[in-house]
Amino acid sequence: MGLVQRKDSKSLEEALALLQGFGSDLLGGISIITFMVLGEYLAGSIIVIMLSGGEALESYSLRSASSVLAALAKRMPSIAPTPRNHERELLFG
């Protein structure tokens, strides 16, 4: 017995793929609007602070990782012994 794919499952997969890019930002936006409608201004403010703090932390970590990778690339050797004849050979131009 083979598996039968439903006709609408492809559109569901496309919708889920579209929503995966939003993630916490979409959820945070929905919760901020919900808290403001309900009159829970403190909770909405906390969500705003959490989202902005997360964005700042993400950008800091990206800059930090980029600088560490650049420093590591500078230390990469350009000459190394080869397993064939144990002589030094230029690996990168």
C-alpha atoms as a PDB file:
ATOM      1  CA  MET A   1       0.000   0.000   0.000  1.00  0.00           C
ATOM      2  CA  GLY A   2       1.573   3.290  -1.084  1.00  0.00           C
ATOM      3  CA  LEU A   3       1.316   6.630   0.602  1.00  0.00           C
ATOM      4  CA  VAL A   4      -1.176   9.013  -0.926  1.00  0.00           C
ATOM      5  CA  GLN A   5      -0.253  12.688  -0.879  1.00  0.00           C
ATOM      6  CA  ARG A   6      -3.146  15.008  -0.307  1.00  0.00           C
ATOM      7  CA  LYS A   7      -3.592  17.778  -2.840  1.00  0.00           C
ATOM      8  CA  ASP A   8      -3.506  20.582  -0.237  1.00  0.00           C
ATOM      9  CA  SER A   9      -0.397  19.317   1.602  1.00  0.00           C
ATOM     10  CA  LYS A  10       1.908  21.153  -0.811  1.00  0.00           C
ATOM     11  CA  SER A  11       0.247  24.481  -0.068  1.00  0.00           C
ATOM     12  CA  LEU A  12       0.503  23.743   3.664  1.00  0.00           C
ATOM     13  CA  GLU A  13       4.220  23.029   3.274  1.00  0.00           C
ATOM     14  CA  GLU A  14       4.686  26.286   1.370  1.00  0.00           C
ATOM     15  CA  ALA A  15       2.844  28.229   4.077  1.00  0.00           C
ATOM     16  CA  LEU A  16       4.952  26.640   6.814  1.00  0.00           C
ATOM     17  CA  ALA A  17       8.146  27.403   4.897  1.00  0.00           C
ATOM     18  CA  LEU A  18       7.054  31.026   4.586  1.00  0.00           C
ATOM     19  CA  LEU A  19       6.334  31.282   8.313  1.00  0.00           C
ATOM     20  CA  GLN A  20       9.661  29.727   9.337  1.00  0.00           C
ATOM     21  CA  GLY A  21      11.487  32.899   8.343  1.00  0.00           C
ATOM     22  CA  PHE A  22       9.473  35.028  10.759  1.00  0.00           C
ATOM     23  CA  GLY A  23       9.679  32.941  13.929  1.00  0.00           C
ATOM     24  CA  SER A  24      10.068  34.907  17.128  1.00  0.00           C
ATOM     25  CA  ASP A  25       9.549  38.305  15.468  1.00  0.00           C
ATOM     26  CA  LEU A  26       6.083  37.343  14.282  1.00  0.00           C
ATOM     27  CA  LEU A  27       5.189  35.779  17.611  1.00  0.00           C
ATOM     28  CA  GLY A  28       6.500  38.838  19.456  1.00  0.00           C
ATOM     29  CA  GLY A  29       4.504  41.201  17.259  1.00  0.00           C
ATOM     30  CA  ILE A  30       1.312  39.235  17.773  1.00  0.00           C
ATOM     31  CA  SER A  31       1.853  39.157  21.531  1.00  0.00           C
ATOM     32  CA  ILE A  32       2.556  42.916  21.678  1.00  0.00           C
ATOM     33  CA  ILE A  33      -0.675  43.684  19.819  1.00  0.00           C
ATOM     34  CA  THR A  34      -2.599  41.235  22.006  1.00  0.00           C
ATOM     35  CA  PHE A  35      -1.241  42.724  25.231  1.00  0.00           C
ATOM     36  CA  MET A  36      -2.030  46.264  24.071  1.00  0.00           C
ATOM     37  CA  VAL A  37      -5.608  45.280  23.158  1.00  0.00           C
ATOM     38  CA  LEU A  38      -6.033  43.637  26.567  1.00  0.00           C
ATOM     39  CA  GLY A  39      -4.589  46.667  28.351  1.00  0.00           C
ATOM     40  CA  GLU A  40      -1.533  44.790  29.653  1.00  0.00           C
ATOM     41  CA  TYR A  41       0.957  47.546  28.840  1.00  0.00           C
ATOM     42  CA  LEU A  42       3.701  46.286  31.157  1.00  0.00           C
ATOM     43  CA  ALA A  43       3.702  42.836  29.548  1.00  0.00           C
ATOM     44  CA  GLY A  44       3.757  44.414  26.072  1.00  0.00           C
ATOM     45  CA  SER A  45       6.679  46.625  27.087  1.00  0.00           C
ATOM     46  CA  ILE A  46       8.604  43.615  28.367  1.00  0.00           C
ATOM     47  CA  ILE A  47       8.116  41.847  25.026  1.00  0.00           C
ATOM     48  CA  VAL A  48       9.391  44.954  23.197  1.00  0.00           C
ATOM     49  CA  ILE A  49      12.492  45.011  25.420  1.00  0.00           C
ATOM     50  CA  MET A  50      13.047  41.287  24.883  1.00  0.00           C
ATOM     51  CA  LEU A  51      12.810  41.615  21.099  1.00  0.00           C
ATOM     52  CA  SER A  52      15.127  44.628  20.914  1.00  0.00           C
ATOM     53  CA  GLY A  53      17.609  43.012  23.304  1.00  0.00           C
ATOM     54  CA  GLY A  54      17.607  39.851  21.224  1.00  0.00           C
ATOM     55  CA  GLU A  55      18.294  41.811  18.041  1.00  0.00           C
ATOM     56  CA  ALA A  56      21.172  43.681  19.715  1.00  0.00           C
ATOM     57  CA  LEU A  57      22.654  40.450  21.051  1.00  0.00           C
ATOM     58  CA  GLU A  58      22.358  38.813  17.631  1.00  0.00           C
ATOM     59  CA  SER A  59      24.161  41.667  15.877  1.00  0.00           C
ATOM     60  CA  TYR A  60      26.918  41.712  18.550  1.00  0.00           C
ATOM     61  CA  SER A  61      27.484  37.971  18.232  1.00  0.00           C
ATOM     62  CA  LEU A  62      27.593  38.211  14.437  1.00  0.00           C
ATOM     63  CA  ARG A  63      30.262  40.935  14.591  1.00  0.00           C
ATOM     64  CA  SER A  64      32.242  38.991  17.176  1.00  0.00           C
ATOM     65  CA  ALA A  65      32.132  35.745  15.207  1.00  0.00           C
ATOM     66  CA  SER A  66      33.139  37.532  12.003  1.00  0.00           C
ATOM     67  CA  SER A  67      36.176  39.129  13.617  1.00  0.00           C
ATOM     68  CA  VAL A  68      37.270  35.825  15.185  1.00  0.00           C
ATOM     69  CA  LEU A  69      36.933  34.011  11.855  1.00  0.00           C
ATOM     70  CA  ALA A  70      38.929  36.743  10.100  1.00  0.00           C
ATOM     71  CA  ALA A  71      41.718  36.431  12.704  1.00  0.00           C
ATOM     72  CA  LEU A  72      41.693  32.662  12.302  1.00  0.00           C
ATOM     73  CA  ALA A  73      41.945  32.963   8.515  1.00  0.00           C
ATOM     74  CA  LYS A  74      45.010  35.217   8.872  1.00  0.00           C
ATOM     75  CA  ARG A  75      46.763  32.507  10.912  1.00  0.00           C
ATOM     76  CA  MET A  76      46.091  29.762   8.363  1.00  0.00           C
ATOM     77  CA  PRO A  77      49.359  28.323   7.040  1.00  0.00           C
ATOM     78  CA  SER A  78      50.090  28.572   3.346  1.00  0.00           C
ATOM     79  CA  ILE A  79      52.825  25.908   3.304  1.00  0.00           C
ATOM     80  CA  ALA A  80      52.498  22.409   4.774  1.00  0.00           C
ATOM     81  CA  PRO A  81      54.181  19.023   4.410  1.00  0.00           C
ATOM     82  CA  THR A  82      52.445  16.732   1.959  1.00  0.00           C
ATOM     83  CA  PRO A  83      51.822  13.067   2.746  1.00  0.00           C
ATOM     84  CA  ARG A  84      53.374  11.931  -0.546  1.00  0.00           C
ATOM     85  CA  ASN A  85      56.992  12.988  -0.216  1.00  0.00           C
ATOM     86  CA  HIS A  86      57.179  14.828   3.135  1.00  0.00           C
ATOM     87  CA  GLU A  87      58.491  17.942   1.423  1.00  0.00           C
ATOM     88  CA  ARG A  88      56.981  21.347   1.977  1.00  0.00           C
ATOM     89  CA  GLU A  89      54.599  22.401  -0.731  1.00  0.00           C
ATOM     90  CA  LEU A  90      52.788  25.680  -1.340  1.00  0.00           C
ATOM     91  CA  LEU A  91      49.108  25.041  -0.670  1.00  0.00           C
ATOM     92  CA  PHE A  92      47.572  28.439  -1.426  1.00  0.00           C
ATOM     93  CA  GLY A  93      48.756  31.096  -3.837  1.00  0.00           C
END
